[in-house]
PDB file of N, CA and C in Angstrom:
ATOM      1  N   MET A   1     -72.300  12.705 -29.725  1.00  0.00           N
ATOM      2  CA  MET A   1     -73.076  13.252 -31.047  1.00  0.00           C
ATOM      3  C   MET A   1     -74.715  13.842 -30.930  1.00  0.00           C
ATOM      4  N   SER A   2     -74.770  14.834 -30.901  1.00  0.00           N
ATOM      5  CA  SER A   2     -76.042  15.607 -30.322  1.00  0.00           C
ATOM      6  C   SER A   2     -76.824  15.031 -31.268  1.00  0.00           C
ATOM      7  N   ASN A   3     -78.469  15.292 -30.650  1.00  0.00           N
ATOM      8  CA  ASN A   3     -79.341  14.918 -31.622  1.00  0.00           C
ATOM      9  C   ASN A   3     -79.411  15.775 -32.931  1.00  0.00           C
ATOM     10  N   GLN A   4     -79.195  17.050 -32.914  1.00  0.00           N
ATOM     11  CA  GLN A   4     -79.361  17.876 -34.106  1.00  0.00           C
ATOM     12  C   GLN A   4     -78.261  17.341 -35.181  1.00  0.00           C
ATOM     13  N   PHE A   5     -77.147  17.001 -34.837  1.00  0.00           N
ATOM     14  CA  PHE A   5     -76.022  16.308 -35.641  1.00  0.00           C
ATOM     15  C   PHE A   5     -76.886  15.176 -36.235  1.00  0.00           C
ATOM     16  N   ILE A   6     -77.287  14.426 -35.623  1.00  0.00           N
ATOM     17  CA  ILE A   6     -77.838  12.878 -35.982  1.00  0.00           C
ATOM     18  C   ILE A   6     -79.113  13.267 -36.891  1.00  0.00           C
ATOM     19  N   ALA A   7     -79.792  14.291 -36.841  1.00  0.00           N
ATOM     20  CA  ALA A   7     -81.002  14.568 -37.425  1.00  0.00           C
ATOM     21  C   ALA A   7     -80.375  15.333 -38.826  1.00  0.00           C
ATOM     22  N   GLN A   8     -79.503  16.341 -38.881  1.00  0.00           N
ATOM     23  CA  GLN A   8     -79.235  16.357 -40.079  1.00  0.00           C
ATOM     24  C   GLN A   8     -78.553  15.213 -40.995  1.00  0.00           C
ATOM     25  N   TYR A   9     -77.686  14.309 -40.405  1.00  0.00           N
ATOM     26  CA  TYR A   9     -77.380  13.091 -41.091  1.00  0.00           C
ATOM     27  C   TYR A   9     -78.540  12.450 -41.901  1.00  0.00           C
ATOM     28  N   VAL A  10     -79.555  12.094 -40.938  1.00  0.00           N
ATOM     29  CA  VAL A  10     -80.847  11.444 -41.402  1.00  0.00           C
ATOM     30  C   VAL A  10     -81.510  12.299 -42.483  1.00  0.00           C
ATOM     31  N   THR A  11     -81.502  13.431 -42.440  1.00  0.00           N
ATOM     32  CA  THR A  11     -82.160  14.334 -43.757  1.00  0.00           C
ATOM     33  C   THR A  11     -81.415  14.243 -44.580  1.00  0.00           C
ATOM     34  N   LEU A  12     -79.878  14.357 -44.774  1.00  0.00           N
ATOM     35  CA  LEU A  12     -78.893  14.105 -45.834  1.00  0.00           C
ATOM     36  C   LEU A  12     -79.282  12.774 -46.413  1.00  0.00           C
ATOM     37  N   ALA A  13     -79.238  11.784 -45.408  1.00  0.00           N
ATOM     38  CA  ALA A  13     -79.558  10.354 -46.008  1.00  0.00           C
ATOM     39  C   ALA A  13     -80.505  10.173 -46.801  1.00  0.00           C
ATOM     40  N   GLU A  14     -81.734  10.922 -46.483  1.00  0.00           N
ATOM     41  CA  GLU A  14     -83.028  10.716 -47.180  1.00  0.00           C
ATOM     42  C   GLU A  14     -83.038  11.701 -48.675  1.00  0.00           C
ATOM     43  N   ALA A  15     -82.466  12.824 -48.693  1.00  0.00           N
ATOM     44  CA  ALA A  15     -82.226  13.522 -49.521  1.00  0.00           C
ATOM     45  C   ALA A  15     -81.341  12.918 -50.729  1.00  0.00           C
ATOM     46  N   SER A  16     -80.355  12.134 -50.322  1.00  0.00           N
ATOM     47  CA  SER A  16     -79.614  11.781 -51.306  1.00  0.00           C
ATOM     48  C   SER A  16     -79.987  10.609 -51.990  1.00  0.00           C
ATOM     49  N   TYR A  17     -81.292  10.065 -51.851  1.00  0.00           N
ATOM     50  CA  TYR A  17     -82.060   9.260 -52.786  1.00  0.00           C
ATOM     51  C   TYR A  17     -82.257   9.835 -54.174  1.00  0.00           C
ATOM     52  N   ALA A  18     -82.318  11.322 -54.083  1.00  0.00           N
ATOM     53  CA  ALA A  18     -82.736  12.062 -55.185  1.00  0.00           C
ATOM     54  C   ALA A  18     -81.777  11.814 -56.114  1.00  0.00           C
ATOM     55  N   ASP A  19     -82.147  11.906 -57.777  1.00  0.00           N
ATOM     56  CA  ASP A  19     -81.144  11.837 -58.488  1.00  0.00           C
ATOM     57  C   ASP A  19     -80.808  13.198 -59.147  1.00  0.00           C
ATOM     58  N   PHE A  20     -79.746  13.615 -58.593  1.00  0.00           N
ATOM     59  CA  PHE A  20     -79.125  14.873 -59.177  1.00  0.00           C
ATOM     60  C   PHE A  20     -78.331  14.904 -60.332  1.00  0.00           C
ATOM     61  N   SER A  21     -78.283  13.793 -61.028  1.00  0.00           N
ATOM     62  CA  SER A  21     -77.399  13.610 -62.101  1.00  0.00           C
ATOM     63  C   SER A  21     -77.668  14.504 -63.291  1.00  0.00           C
ATOM     64  N   GLU A  22     -78.843  14.479 -63.522  1.00  0.00           N
ATOM     65  CA  GLU A  22     -79.565  15.383 -64.691  1.00  0.00           C
ATOM     66  C   GLU A  22     -79.616  16.757 -64.420  1.00  0.00           C
ATOM     67  N   LYS A  23     -79.419  17.269 -63.236  1.00  0.00           N
ATOM     68  CA  LYS A  23     -79.882  18.360 -62.828  1.00  0.00           C
ATOM     69  C   LYS A  23     -78.575  19.274 -62.671  1.00  0.00           C
ATOM     70  N   THR A  24     -78.634  20.737 -62.314  1.00  0.00           N
ATOM     71  CA  THR A  24     -77.698  21.594 -62.009  1.00  0.00           C
ATOM     72  C   THR A  24     -77.863  21.814 -60.642  1.00  0.00           C
ATOM     73  N   PHE A  25     -77.159  22.283 -59.743  1.00  0.00           N
ATOM     74  CA  PHE A  25     -77.091  22.307 -58.235  1.00  0.00           C
ATOM     75  C   PHE A  25     -77.752  23.321 -57.818  1.00  0.00           C
ATOM     76  N   SER A  26     -78.673  23.943 -58.628  1.00  0.00           N
ATOM     77  CA  SER A  26     -79.195  25.202 -57.999  1.00  0.00           C
ATOM     78  C   SER A  26     -80.484  24.588 -57.179  1.00  0.00           C
ATOM     79  N   ASP A  27     -80.735  25.639 -56.116  1.00  0.00           N
ATOM     80  CA  ASP A  27     -81.715  25.149 -55.084  1.00  0.00           C
ATOM     81  C   ASP A  27     -82.892  24.529 -55.672  1.00  0.00           C
ATOM     82  N   LYS A  28     -83.537  25.331 -56.948  1.00  0.00           N
ATOM     83  CA  LYS A  28     -84.772  24.781 -57.215  1.00  0.00           C
ATOM     84  C   LYS A  28     -84.762  23.675 -57.904  1.00  0.00           C
ATOM     85  N   ASP A  29     -83.708  23.278 -58.573  1.00  0.00           N
ATOM     86  CA  ASP A  29     -83.381  21.726 -59.285  1.00  0.00           C
ATOM     87  C   ASP A  29     -83.257  20.612 -58.238  1.00  0.00           C
ATOM     88  N   VAL A  30     -82.473  21.229 -56.942  1.00  0.00           N
ATOM     89  CA  VAL A  30     -82.230  20.234 -55.965  1.00  0.00           C
ATOM     90  C   VAL A  30     -83.585  20.035 -55.256  1.00  0.00           C
ATOM     91  N   GLU A  31     -84.515  21.062 -55.129  1.00  0.00           N
ATOM     92  CA  GLU A  31     -85.892  20.827 -54.557  1.00  0.00           C
ATOM     93  C   GLU A  31     -86.547  19.961 -55.547  1.00  0.00           C
ATOM     94  N   LYS A  32     -86.499  20.339 -57.032  1.00  0.00           N
ATOM     95  CA  LYS A  32     -87.525  19.174 -57.723  1.00  0.00           C
ATOM     96  C   LYS A  32     -86.729  17.885 -58.018  1.00  0.00           C
ATOM     97  N   ALA A  33     -85.633  17.410 -57.931  1.00  0.00           N
ATOM     98  CA  ALA A  33     -85.011  16.145 -57.675  1.00  0.00           C
ATOM     99  C   ALA A  33     -85.521  15.512 -56.552  1.00  0.00           C
ATOM    100  N   ILE A  34     -85.742  16.406 -55.460  1.00  0.00           N
ATOM    101  CA  ILE A  34     -86.018  15.543 -54.043  1.00  0.00           C
ATOM    102  C   ILE A  34     -87.436  15.139 -54.017  1.00  0.00           C
ATOM    103  N   VAL A  35     -88.398  16.197 -54.819  1.00  0.00           N
ATOM    104  CA  VAL A  35     -90.003  16.060 -55.088  1.00  0.00           C
ATOM    105  C   VAL A  35     -90.114  14.939 -55.819  1.00  0.00           C
ATOM    106  N   ASP A  36     -89.475  14.820 -56.898  1.00  0.00           N
ATOM    107  CA  ASP A  36     -89.483  13.839 -57.658  1.00  0.00           C
ATOM    108  C   ASP A  36     -89.335  12.359 -57.317  1.00  0.00           C
ATOM    109  N   THR A  37     -88.328  12.507 -56.616  1.00  0.00           N
ATOM    110  CA  THR A  37     -88.044  10.959 -55.933  1.00  0.00           C
ATOM    111  C   THR A  37     -88.883  10.779 -54.780  1.00  0.00           C
ATOM    112  N   ASN A  38     -89.710  11.659 -54.234  1.00  0.00           N
ATOM    113  CA  ASN A  38     -90.612  11.635 -53.163  1.00  0.00           C
ATOM    114  C   ASN A  38     -92.068  11.788 -53.574  1.00  0.00           C
ATOM    115  N   GLU A  39     -92.474  11.587 -54.698  1.00  0.00           N
ATOM    116  CA  GLU A  39     -93.562  12.020 -55.466  1.00  0.00           C
ATOM    117  C   GLU A  39     -94.843  11.629 -54.594  1.00  0.00           C
ATOM    118  N   ASN A  40     -94.755  10.238 -53.974  1.00  0.00           N
ATOM    119  CA  ASN A  40     -96.102   9.795 -53.234  1.00  0.00           C
ATOM    120  C   ASN A  40     -96.132  10.143 -51.998  1.00  0.00           C
ATOM    121  N   LYS A  41     -95.186  11.025 -51.314  1.00  0.00           N
ATOM    122  CA  LYS A  41     -94.829  11.030 -49.858  1.00  0.00           C
ATOM    123  C   LYS A  41     -95.480  12.531 -49.631  1.00  0.00           C
ATOM    124  N   LYS A  42     -96.292  12.454 -48.431  1.00  0.00           N
ATOM    125  CA  LYS A  42     -96.846  13.577 -48.111  1.00  0.00           C
ATOM    126  C   LYS A  42     -95.662  14.751 -47.616  1.00  0.00           C
ATOM    127  N   GLY A  43     -95.742  15.896 -47.916  1.00  0.00           N
ATOM    128  CA  GLY A  43     -94.688  16.732 -47.274  1.00  0.00           C
ATOM    129  C   GLY A  43     -93.427  16.890 -48.114  1.00  0.00           C
ATOM    130  N   SER A  44     -93.325  16.356 -49.289  1.00  0.00           N
ATOM    131  CA  SER A  44     -91.839  16.162 -49.800  1.00  0.00           C
ATOM    132  C   SER A  44     -91.519  17.560 -50.250  1.00  0.00           C
ATOM    133  N   GLU A  45     -92.473  18.399 -50.465  1.00  0.00           N
ATOM    134  CA  GLU A  45     -92.211  19.772 -51.070  1.00  0.00           C
ATOM    135  C   GLU A  45     -91.272  20.559 -49.967  1.00  0.00           C
ATOM    136  N   LYS A  46     -92.229  20.435 -48.845  1.00  0.00           N
ATOM    137  CA  LYS A  46     -91.532  21.163 -47.392  1.00  0.00           C
ATOM    138  C   LYS A  46     -89.907  20.590 -47.224  1.00  0.00           C
ATOM    139  N   PHE A  47     -90.121  19.501 -47.545  1.00  0.00           N
ATOM    140  CA  PHE A  47     -89.021  18.558 -46.652  1.00  0.00           C
ATOM    141  C   PHE A  47     -87.727  19.237 -47.768  1.00  0.00           C
ATOM    142  N   ALA A  48     -88.037  19.230 -49.079  1.00  0.00           N
ATOM    143  CA  ALA A  48     -87.124  19.740 -50.246  1.00  0.00           C
ATOM    144  C   ALA A  48     -86.654  21.044 -50.007  1.00  0.00           C
ATOM    145  N   GLU A  49     -87.697  21.863 -49.653  1.00  0.00           N
ATOM    146  CA  GLU A  49     -87.194  23.344 -49.218  1.00  0.00           C
ATOM    147  C   GLU A  49     -86.389  23.270 -48.114  1.00  0.00           C
ATOM    148  N   SER A  50     -86.855  22.466 -47.081  1.00  0.00           N
ATOM    149  CA  SER A  50     -85.978  22.710 -45.778  1.00  0.00           C
ATOM    150  C   SER A  50     -84.244  21.959 -46.151  1.00  0.00           C
ATOM    151  N   VAL A  51     -84.519  21.306 -47.120  1.00  0.00           N
ATOM    152  CA  VAL A  51     -82.634  20.637 -47.320  1.00  0.00           C
ATOM    153  C   VAL A  51     -82.148  21.878 -48.271  1.00  0.00           C
ATOM    154  N   SER A  52     -82.964  22.307 -49.128  1.00  0.00           N
ATOM    155  CA  SER A  52     -82.139  23.476 -50.075  1.00  0.00           C
ATOM    156  C   SER A  52     -81.835  24.654 -49.313  1.00  0.00           C
ATOM    157  N   SER A  53     -82.715  25.234 -48.080  1.00  0.00           N
ATOM    158  CA  SER A  53     -82.225  26.228 -47.656  1.00  0.00           C
ATOM    159  C   SER A  53     -81.229  25.933 -46.620  1.00  0.00           C
ATOM    160  N   SER A  54     -80.771  24.797 -46.111  1.00  0.00           N
ATOM    161  CA  SER A  54     -79.626  24.404 -45.461  1.00  0.00           C
ATOM    162  C   SER A  54     -78.647  23.991 -45.863  1.00  0.00           C
ATOM    163  N   PHE A  55     -78.666  23.292 -47.083  1.00  0.00           N
ATOM    164  CA  PHE A  55     -77.404  22.692 -47.807  1.00  0.00           C
ATOM    165  C   PHE A  55     -77.630  22.658 -49.217  1.00  0.00           C
ATOM    166  N   SER A  56     -76.060  22.794 -49.855  1.00  0.00           N
ATOM    167  CA  SER A  56     -76.202  22.985 -51.282  1.00  0.00           C
ATOM    168  C   SER A  56     -75.499  21.563 -51.841  1.00  0.00           C
ATOM    169  N   VAL A  57     -75.929  21.087 -52.868  1.00  0.00           N
ATOM    170  CA  VAL A  57     -75.221  19.789 -53.520  1.00  0.00           C
ATOM    171  C   VAL A  57     -73.976  20.205 -54.157  1.00  0.00           C
ATOM    172  N   VAL A  58     -72.777  19.695 -53.879  1.00  0.00           N
ATOM    173  CA  VAL A  58     -71.900  20.204 -54.465  1.00  0.00           C
ATOM    174  C   VAL A  58     -71.256  19.161 -55.684  1.00  0.00           C
ATOM    175  N   ALA A  59     -71.735  17.946 -55.304  1.00  0.00           N
ATOM    176  CA  ALA A  59     -71.378  16.946 -56.278  1.00  0.00           C
ATOM    177  C   ALA A  59     -72.192  15.606 -56.091  1.00  0.00           C
ATOM    178  N   HIS A  60     -72.482  15.072 -57.425  1.00  0.00           N
ATOM    179  CA  HIS A  60     -73.440  13.950 -57.437  1.00  0.00           C
ATOM    180  C   HIS A  60     -73.050  12.993 -58.424  1.00  0.00           C
ATOM    181  N   TRP A  61     -72.882  11.699 -58.198  1.00  0.00           N
ATOM    182  CA  TRP A  61     -72.721  10.481 -59.134  1.00  0.00           C
ATOM    183  C   TRP A  61     -73.414   9.411 -58.933  1.00  0.00           C
ATOM    184  N   LYS A  62     -73.981   8.895 -59.932  1.00  0.00           N
ATOM    185  CA  LYS A  62     -74.967   7.895 -60.087  1.00  0.00           C
ATOM    186  C   LYS A  62     -74.205   6.830 -61.151  1.00  0.00           C
ATOM    187  N   ASP A  63     -73.935   5.543 -60.746  1.00  0.00           N
ATOM    188  CA  ASP A  63     -73.707   4.839 -61.619  1.00  0.00           C
ATOM    189  C   ASP A  63     -74.606   4.217 -62.698  1.00  0.00           C
ATOM    190  N   ARG A  64     -74.520   4.820 -63.984  1.00  0.00           N
ATOM    191  CA  ARG A  64     -75.394   4.391 -64.776  1.00  0.00           C
ATOM    192  C   ARG A  64     -74.931   3.208 -66.058  1.00  0.00           C
ATOM    193  N   GLU A  65     -73.591   3.259 -66.157  1.00  0.00           N
ATOM    194  CA  GLU A  65     -72.717   2.251 -67.018  1.00  0.00           C
ATOM    195  C   GLU A  65     -72.826   1.022 -66.589  1.00  0.00           C
ATOM    196  N   ASN A  66     -72.634   0.539 -65.498  1.00  0.00           N
ATOM    197  CA  ASN A  66     -72.574  -0.827 -64.949  1.00  0.00           C
ATOM    198  C   ASN A  66     -73.885  -1.352 -64.451  1.00  0.00           C
ATOM    199  N   GLU A  67     -74.558  -0.299 -63.971  1.00  0.00           N
ATOM    200  CA  GLU A  67     -75.887  -0.534 -63.271  1.00  0.00           C
ATOM    201  C   GLU A  67     -75.779  -1.128 -62.002  1.00  0.00           C
ATOM    202  N   SER A  68     -74.824  -0.658 -61.216  1.00  0.00           N
ATOM    203  CA  SER A  68     -74.490  -1.413 -59.712  1.00  0.00           C
ATOM    204  C   SER A  68     -75.632  -0.500 -58.728  1.00  0.00           C
ATOM    205  N   SER A  69     -76.045   0.278 -59.121  1.00  0.00           N
ATOM    206  CA  SER A  69     -76.998   1.040 -58.224  1.00  0.00           C
ATOM    207  C   SER A  69     -76.571   2.033 -57.566  1.00  0.00           C
ATOM    208  N   PHE A  70     -75.173   2.301 -57.447  1.00  0.00           N
ATOM    209  CA  PHE A  70     -74.144   2.965 -56.416  1.00  0.00           C
ATOM    210  C   PHE A  70     -74.561   4.621 -57.097  1.00  0.00           C
ATOM    211  N   SER A  71     -75.045   5.233 -55.788  1.00  0.00           N
ATOM    212  CA  SER A  71     -75.114   6.902 -56.233  1.00  0.00           C
ATOM    213  C   SER A  71     -74.360   7.369 -54.882  1.00  0.00           C
ATOM    214  N   GLY A  72     -74.100   8.115 -55.004  1.00  0.00           N
ATOM    215  CA  GLY A  72     -73.231   9.134 -53.808  1.00  0.00           C
ATOM    216  C   GLY A  72     -73.392  10.727 -54.184  1.00  0.00           C
ATOM    217  N   THR A  73     -73.791  11.567 -52.821  1.00  0.00           N
ATOM    218  CA  THR A  73     -73.866  12.911 -53.083  1.00  0.00           C
ATOM    219  C   THR A  73     -73.261  13.766 -52.098  1.00  0.00           C
ATOM    220  N   LEU A  74     -72.688  14.608 -52.280  1.00  0.00           N
ATOM    221  CA  LEU A  74     -71.805  15.445 -51.580  1.00  0.00           C
ATOM    222  C   LEU A  74     -72.773  16.703 -51.007  1.00  0.00           C
ATOM    223  N   PHE A  75     -72.838  17.138 -49.889  1.00  0.00           N
ATOM    224  CA  PHE A  75     -73.688  18.432 -49.531  1.00  0.00           C
ATOM    225  C   PHE A  75     -72.793  19.100 -48.773  1.00  0.00           C
ATOM    226  N   GLN A  76     -73.021  20.552 -49.178  1.00  0.00           N
ATOM    227  CA  GLN A  76     -72.431  21.661 -48.207  1.00  0.00           C
ATOM    228  C   GLN A  76     -73.261  22.233 -47.366  1.00  0.00           C
ATOM    229  N   ASN A  77     -73.061  22.304 -45.893  1.00  0.00           N
ATOM    230  CA  ASN A  77     -73.931  23.206 -45.377  1.00  0.00           C
ATOM    231  C   ASN A  77     -73.634  24.490 -45.541  1.00  0.00           C
ATOM    232  N   LYS A  78     -74.694  25.283 -45.668  1.00  0.00           N
ATOM    233  CA  LYS A  78     -74.859  26.710 -46.063  1.00  0.00           C
ATOM    234  C   LYS A  78     -74.421  27.777 -44.821  1.00  0.00           C
ATOM    235  N   GLU A  79     -74.456  27.032 -43.788  1.00  0.00           N
ATOM    236  CA  GLU A  79     -74.049  27.899 -42.464  1.00  0.00           C
ATOM    237  C   GLU A  79     -72.628  27.844 -42.130  1.00  0.00           C
ATOM    238  N   THR A  80     -72.084  26.693 -42.151  1.00  0.00           N
ATOM    239  CA  THR A  80     -70.956  26.370 -41.716  1.00  0.00           C
ATOM    240  C   THR A  80     -69.687  25.954 -42.830  1.00  0.00           C
ATOM    241  N   GLY A  81     -70.430  25.814 -44.233  1.00  0.00           N
ATOM    242  CA  GLY A  81     -69.648  25.239 -44.928  1.00  0.00           C
ATOM    243  C   GLY A  81     -68.904  24.010 -45.252  1.00  0.00           C
ATOM    244  N   LYS A  82     -69.153  23.106 -44.056  1.00  0.00           N
ATOM    245  CA  LYS A  82     -68.709  21.770 -43.991  1.00  0.00           C
ATOM    246  C   LYS A  82     -69.594  21.057 -45.162  1.00  0.00           C
ATOM    247  N   ILE A  83     -68.608  19.997 -45.691  1.00  0.00           N
ATOM    248  CA  ILE A  83     -68.840  19.002 -46.596  1.00  0.00           C
ATOM    249  C   ILE A  83     -69.490  17.622 -45.797  1.00  0.00           C
ATOM    250  N   CYS A  84     -70.486  17.371 -46.283  1.00  0.00           N
ATOM    251  CA  CYS A  84     -71.192  15.883 -45.594  1.00  0.00           C
ATOM    252  C   CYS A  84     -71.299  15.137 -46.908  1.00  0.00           C
ATOM    253  N   ALA A  85     -70.845  13.822 -46.742  1.00  0.00           N
ATOM    254  CA  ALA A  85     -71.666  12.623 -47.792  1.00  0.00           C
ATOM    255  C   ALA A  85     -72.876  12.318 -47.359  1.00  0.00           C
ATOM    256  N   GLY A  86     -73.530  12.032 -48.644  1.00  0.00           N
ATOM    257  CA  GLY A  86     -74.880  11.424 -48.373  1.00  0.00           C
ATOM    258  C   GLY A  86     -74.743  10.355 -49.735  1.00  0.00           C
ATOM    259  N   ASP A  87     -74.887   8.986 -49.155  1.00  0.00           N
ATOM    260  CA  ASP A  87     -74.846   7.903 -50.258  1.00  0.00           C
ATOM    261  C   ASP A  87     -75.713   6.661 -50.071  1.00  0.00           C
TER     262      ASP A  87
END
């Protein structure tokens, strides 16, 4: 496994903490959800732009009914088209 491959998974793991459930999956909404989740972290806007320039959110689930705290997000690499889970 290459360092770049690992770095992408770390990036998606961090991005998956965002709540995309009340958003469309447009680049701007993805960026806003990431920034809102990381509002007190320096550089969150640049991080959000980096994620949205390389990945699209294709699906998101957040369990609100049972409050199990589960959420999962599927990202698609814009360059390769590969799907990756972040949960």
